[in-house]
């Protein structure tokens, strides 16, 4: 199992979509919100993901396809 922290940045049109829920359901990952800030025009979340590294990579690729900006914070 791998643990990774990523910062996800959401533009205005993506703030209300249940992306984190869909990510964990589609890819069977464990998530933990470390820190978040959501405003009217944008939002960001520092998210810990736990699961097989290949599955995390696939999930993050799907997140990027949704138009969300991903920055790796830490890999454990």
N, C-alpha and C. Protein backbone atom coordinates (compact mmCIF):
# COMPACT_ATOMS: atom_id res chain seq x y z
N UNK A 1 0.84 -1.18 0.00
CA UNK A 1 0.00 0.00 0.00
C UNK A 1 0.88 1.24 0.00
N UNK A 2 0.43 2.22 -0.73
CA UNK A 2 1.13 3.49 -0.84
C UNK A 2 0.26 4.58 -0.23
N UNK A 3 0.89 5.58 0.35
CA UNK A 3 0.20 6.76 0.85
C UNK A 3 0.80 7.97 0.16
N UNK A 4 -0.05 8.84 -0.35
CA UNK A 4 0.40 10.04 -1.05
C UNK A 4 -0.49 11.20 -0.64
N UNK A 5 0.12 12.36 -0.50
CA UNK A 5 -0.65 13.59 -0.27
C UNK A 5 -0.57 14.42 -1.53
N UNK A 6 -1.72 14.88 -1.99
CA UNK A 6 -1.79 15.71 -3.18
C UNK A 6 -2.63 16.95 -2.89
N UNK A 7 -2.31 18.01 -3.60
CA UNK A 7 -3.13 19.21 -3.55
C UNK A 7 -3.96 19.24 -4.83
N UNK A 8 -5.26 19.26 -4.68
CA UNK A 8 -6.17 19.34 -5.81
C UNK A 8 -6.74 20.75 -5.85
N UNK A 9 -6.64 21.41 -6.98
CA UNK A 9 -7.18 22.76 -7.14
C UNK A 9 -8.34 22.71 -8.12
N UNK A 10 -9.48 23.20 -7.66
CA UNK A 10 -10.73 23.17 -8.41
C UNK A 10 -11.09 24.57 -8.90
N UNK A 11 -11.35 24.70 -10.18
CA UNK A 11 -11.85 25.97 -10.71
C UNK A 11 -13.34 26.09 -10.40
N UNK A 12 -13.90 27.25 -10.64
CA UNK A 12 -15.28 27.55 -10.26
C UNK A 12 -16.29 26.48 -10.70
N UNK A 13 -16.24 26.04 -11.93
CA UNK A 13 -17.23 25.10 -12.43
C UNK A 13 -17.11 23.70 -11.85
N UNK A 14 -16.03 23.42 -11.14
CA UNK A 14 -15.79 22.07 -10.62
C UNK A 14 -15.97 21.96 -9.11
N UNK A 15 -16.24 23.07 -8.44
CA UNK A 15 -16.29 23.08 -6.97
C UNK A 15 -17.40 22.18 -6.44
N UNK A 16 -18.54 22.16 -7.08
CA UNK A 16 -19.68 21.43 -6.54
C UNK A 16 -19.79 19.98 -7.02
N UNK A 17 -18.85 19.52 -7.84
CA UNK A 17 -18.89 18.13 -8.28
C UNK A 17 -18.29 17.23 -7.19
N UNK A 18 -18.84 16.03 -7.00
CA UNK A 18 -18.34 15.13 -5.94
C UNK A 18 -17.11 14.33 -6.38
N UNK A 19 -16.08 15.03 -6.80
CA UNK A 19 -14.90 14.39 -7.38
C UNK A 19 -14.19 13.46 -6.40
N UNK A 20 -14.00 13.87 -5.17
CA UNK A 20 -13.29 13.04 -4.21
C UNK A 20 -14.09 11.77 -3.92
N UNK A 21 -15.39 11.90 -3.77
CA UNK A 21 -16.24 10.72 -3.57
C UNK A 21 -16.13 9.77 -4.76
N UNK A 22 -16.25 10.32 -5.96
CA UNK A 22 -16.18 9.48 -7.16
C UNK A 22 -14.80 8.81 -7.28
N UNK A 23 -13.74 9.54 -6.97
CA UNK A 23 -12.38 8.99 -7.01
C UNK A 23 -12.26 7.78 -6.09
N UNK A 24 -12.71 7.93 -4.86
CA UNK A 24 -12.56 6.83 -3.90
C UNK A 24 -13.46 5.65 -4.25
N UNK A 25 -14.63 5.90 -4.80
CA UNK A 25 -15.53 4.82 -5.17
C UNK A 25 -15.05 4.08 -6.41
N UNK A 26 -14.67 4.82 -7.45
CA UNK A 26 -14.24 4.22 -8.72
C UNK A 26 -12.96 3.42 -8.58
N UNK A 27 -12.05 3.89 -7.75
CA UNK A 27 -10.72 3.29 -7.68
C UNK A 27 -10.45 2.60 -6.34
N UNK A 28 -11.47 2.49 -5.50
CA UNK A 28 -11.38 1.78 -4.22
C UNK A 28 -10.18 2.27 -3.41
N UNK A 29 -10.09 3.58 -3.24
CA UNK A 29 -9.01 4.21 -2.49
C UNK A 29 -9.54 4.74 -1.16
N UNK A 30 -8.66 4.83 -0.19
CA UNK A 30 -8.99 5.46 1.08
C UNK A 30 -8.53 6.90 1.00
N UNK A 31 -9.40 7.83 1.40
CA UNK A 31 -9.02 9.25 1.35
C UNK A 31 -9.18 9.90 2.71
N UNK A 32 -8.37 10.91 2.94
CA UNK A 32 -8.43 11.68 4.17
C UNK A 32 -8.15 13.14 3.79
N UNK A 33 -9.09 14.02 4.05
CA UNK A 33 -8.89 15.45 3.77
C UNK A 33 -8.04 16.03 4.90
N UNK A 34 -6.86 16.50 4.54
CA UNK A 34 -5.92 17.07 5.51
C UNK A 34 -6.24 18.55 5.76
N UNK A 35 -6.52 19.27 4.68
CA UNK A 35 -6.78 20.70 4.77
C UNK A 35 -7.53 21.10 3.51
N UNK A 36 -8.39 22.10 3.61
CA UNK A 36 -9.15 22.55 2.44
C UNK A 36 -9.54 24.00 2.58
N UNK A 37 -9.76 24.63 1.43
CA UNK A 37 -10.27 26.00 1.38
C UNK A 37 -11.14 26.09 0.13
N UNK A 38 -12.40 26.44 0.33
CA UNK A 38 -13.32 26.56 -0.79
C UNK A 38 -13.92 27.96 -0.76
N UNK A 39 -13.79 28.64 -1.88
CA UNK A 39 -14.36 29.97 -2.02
C UNK A 39 -15.30 29.96 -3.21
N UNK A 40 -15.87 31.09 -3.52
CA UNK A 40 -16.87 31.17 -4.60
C UNK A 40 -16.29 30.82 -5.96
N UNK A 41 -15.08 31.26 -6.26
CA UNK A 41 -14.52 31.08 -7.59
C UNK A 41 -13.50 29.95 -7.73
N UNK A 42 -13.05 29.40 -6.62
CA UNK A 42 -12.09 28.30 -6.68
C UNK A 42 -11.99 27.63 -5.32
N UNK A 43 -11.36 26.49 -5.32
CA UNK A 43 -11.13 25.78 -4.06
C UNK A 43 -9.94 24.86 -4.19
N UNK A 44 -9.38 24.48 -3.07
CA UNK A 44 -8.30 23.50 -3.08
C UNK A 44 -8.44 22.59 -1.88
N UNK A 45 -7.89 21.39 -2.02
CA UNK A 45 -7.93 20.38 -0.98
C UNK A 45 -6.57 19.69 -0.94
N UNK A 46 -6.02 19.53 0.26
CA UNK A 46 -4.87 18.66 0.42
C UNK A 46 -5.44 17.33 0.89
N UNK A 47 -5.23 16.31 0.08
CA UNK A 47 -5.88 15.03 0.24
C UNK A 47 -4.84 13.93 0.37
N UNK A 48 -5.00 13.09 1.38
CA UNK A 48 -4.17 11.90 1.49
C UNK A 48 -4.93 10.75 0.82
N UNK A 49 -4.25 10.02 -0.04
CA UNK A 49 -4.82 8.84 -0.69
C UNK A 49 -3.99 7.63 -0.31
N UNK A 50 -4.68 6.53 0.02
CA UNK A 50 -4.01 5.30 0.38
C UNK A 50 -4.57 4.19 -0.49
N UNK A 51 -3.65 3.40 -1.07
CA UNK A 51 -4.03 2.28 -1.91
C UNK A 51 -2.83 1.82 -2.71
N UNK A 52 -3.03 0.84 -3.59
CA UNK A 52 -1.93 0.41 -4.45
C UNK A 52 -1.45 1.56 -5.34
N UNK A 53 -0.15 1.71 -5.51
CA UNK A 53 0.38 2.86 -6.25
C UNK A 53 -0.15 2.93 -7.68
N UNK A 54 -0.32 1.80 -8.33
CA UNK A 54 -0.86 1.80 -9.69
C UNK A 54 -2.29 2.32 -9.72
N UNK A 55 -3.08 1.95 -8.72
CA UNK A 55 -4.47 2.41 -8.65
C UNK A 55 -4.53 3.90 -8.35
N UNK A 56 -3.65 4.38 -7.47
CA UNK A 56 -3.59 5.81 -7.18
C UNK A 56 -3.26 6.58 -8.45
N UNK A 57 -2.28 6.10 -9.21
CA UNK A 57 -1.90 6.75 -10.47
C UNK A 57 -3.08 6.81 -11.44
N UNK A 58 -3.81 5.71 -11.56
CA UNK A 58 -4.97 5.68 -12.45
C UNK A 58 -6.04 6.66 -11.97
N UNK A 59 -6.26 6.70 -10.66
CA UNK A 59 -7.25 7.62 -10.11
C UNK A 59 -6.88 9.07 -10.33
N UNK A 60 -5.61 9.39 -10.11
CA UNK A 60 -5.17 10.78 -10.31
C UNK A 60 -5.20 11.17 -11.78
N UNK A 61 -4.96 10.23 -12.64
CA UNK A 61 -5.09 10.50 -14.08
C UNK A 61 -6.55 10.85 -14.41
N UNK A 62 -7.47 10.11 -13.83
CA UNK A 62 -8.90 10.40 -14.02
C UNK A 62 -9.24 11.79 -13.48
N UNK A 63 -8.71 12.14 -12.30
CA UNK A 63 -8.95 13.46 -11.71
C UNK A 63 -8.45 14.55 -12.65
N UNK A 64 -7.26 14.39 -13.20
CA UNK A 64 -6.70 15.37 -14.13
C UNK A 64 -7.59 15.50 -15.37
N UNK A 65 -8.14 14.38 -15.83
CA UNK A 65 -9.05 14.41 -16.98
C UNK A 65 -10.32 15.21 -16.69
N UNK A 66 -10.65 15.37 -15.43
CA UNK A 66 -11.83 16.15 -15.04
C UNK A 66 -11.55 17.65 -15.06
N UNK A 67 -10.27 18.02 -15.25
CA UNK A 67 -9.89 19.43 -15.31
C UNK A 67 -9.36 19.97 -13.99
N UNK A 68 -9.05 19.10 -13.06
CA UNK A 68 -8.56 19.50 -11.75
C UNK A 68 -7.03 19.49 -11.77
N UNK A 69 -6.43 20.52 -11.20
CA UNK A 69 -4.97 20.64 -11.16
C UNK A 69 -4.45 19.83 -9.97
N UNK A 70 -3.44 19.00 -10.22
CA UNK A 70 -2.88 18.12 -9.19
C UNK A 70 -1.44 18.49 -8.93
N UNK A 71 -1.07 18.63 -7.65
CA UNK A 71 0.31 18.82 -7.24
C UNK A 71 0.61 17.79 -6.16
N UNK A 72 1.66 17.03 -6.32
CA UNK A 72 2.07 16.07 -5.30
C UNK A 72 2.73 16.82 -4.14
N UNK A 73 2.24 16.58 -2.94
CA UNK A 73 2.79 17.23 -1.74
C UNK A 73 3.81 16.31 -1.09
N UNK A 74 3.44 15.02 -0.92
CA UNK A 74 4.33 14.08 -0.24
C UNK A 74 3.94 12.65 -0.63
N UNK A 75 4.94 11.82 -0.80
CA UNK A 75 4.72 10.38 -1.04
C UNK A 75 5.35 9.65 0.13
N UNK A 76 4.57 8.78 0.75
CA UNK A 76 5.07 8.02 1.92
C UNK A 76 5.23 6.57 1.55
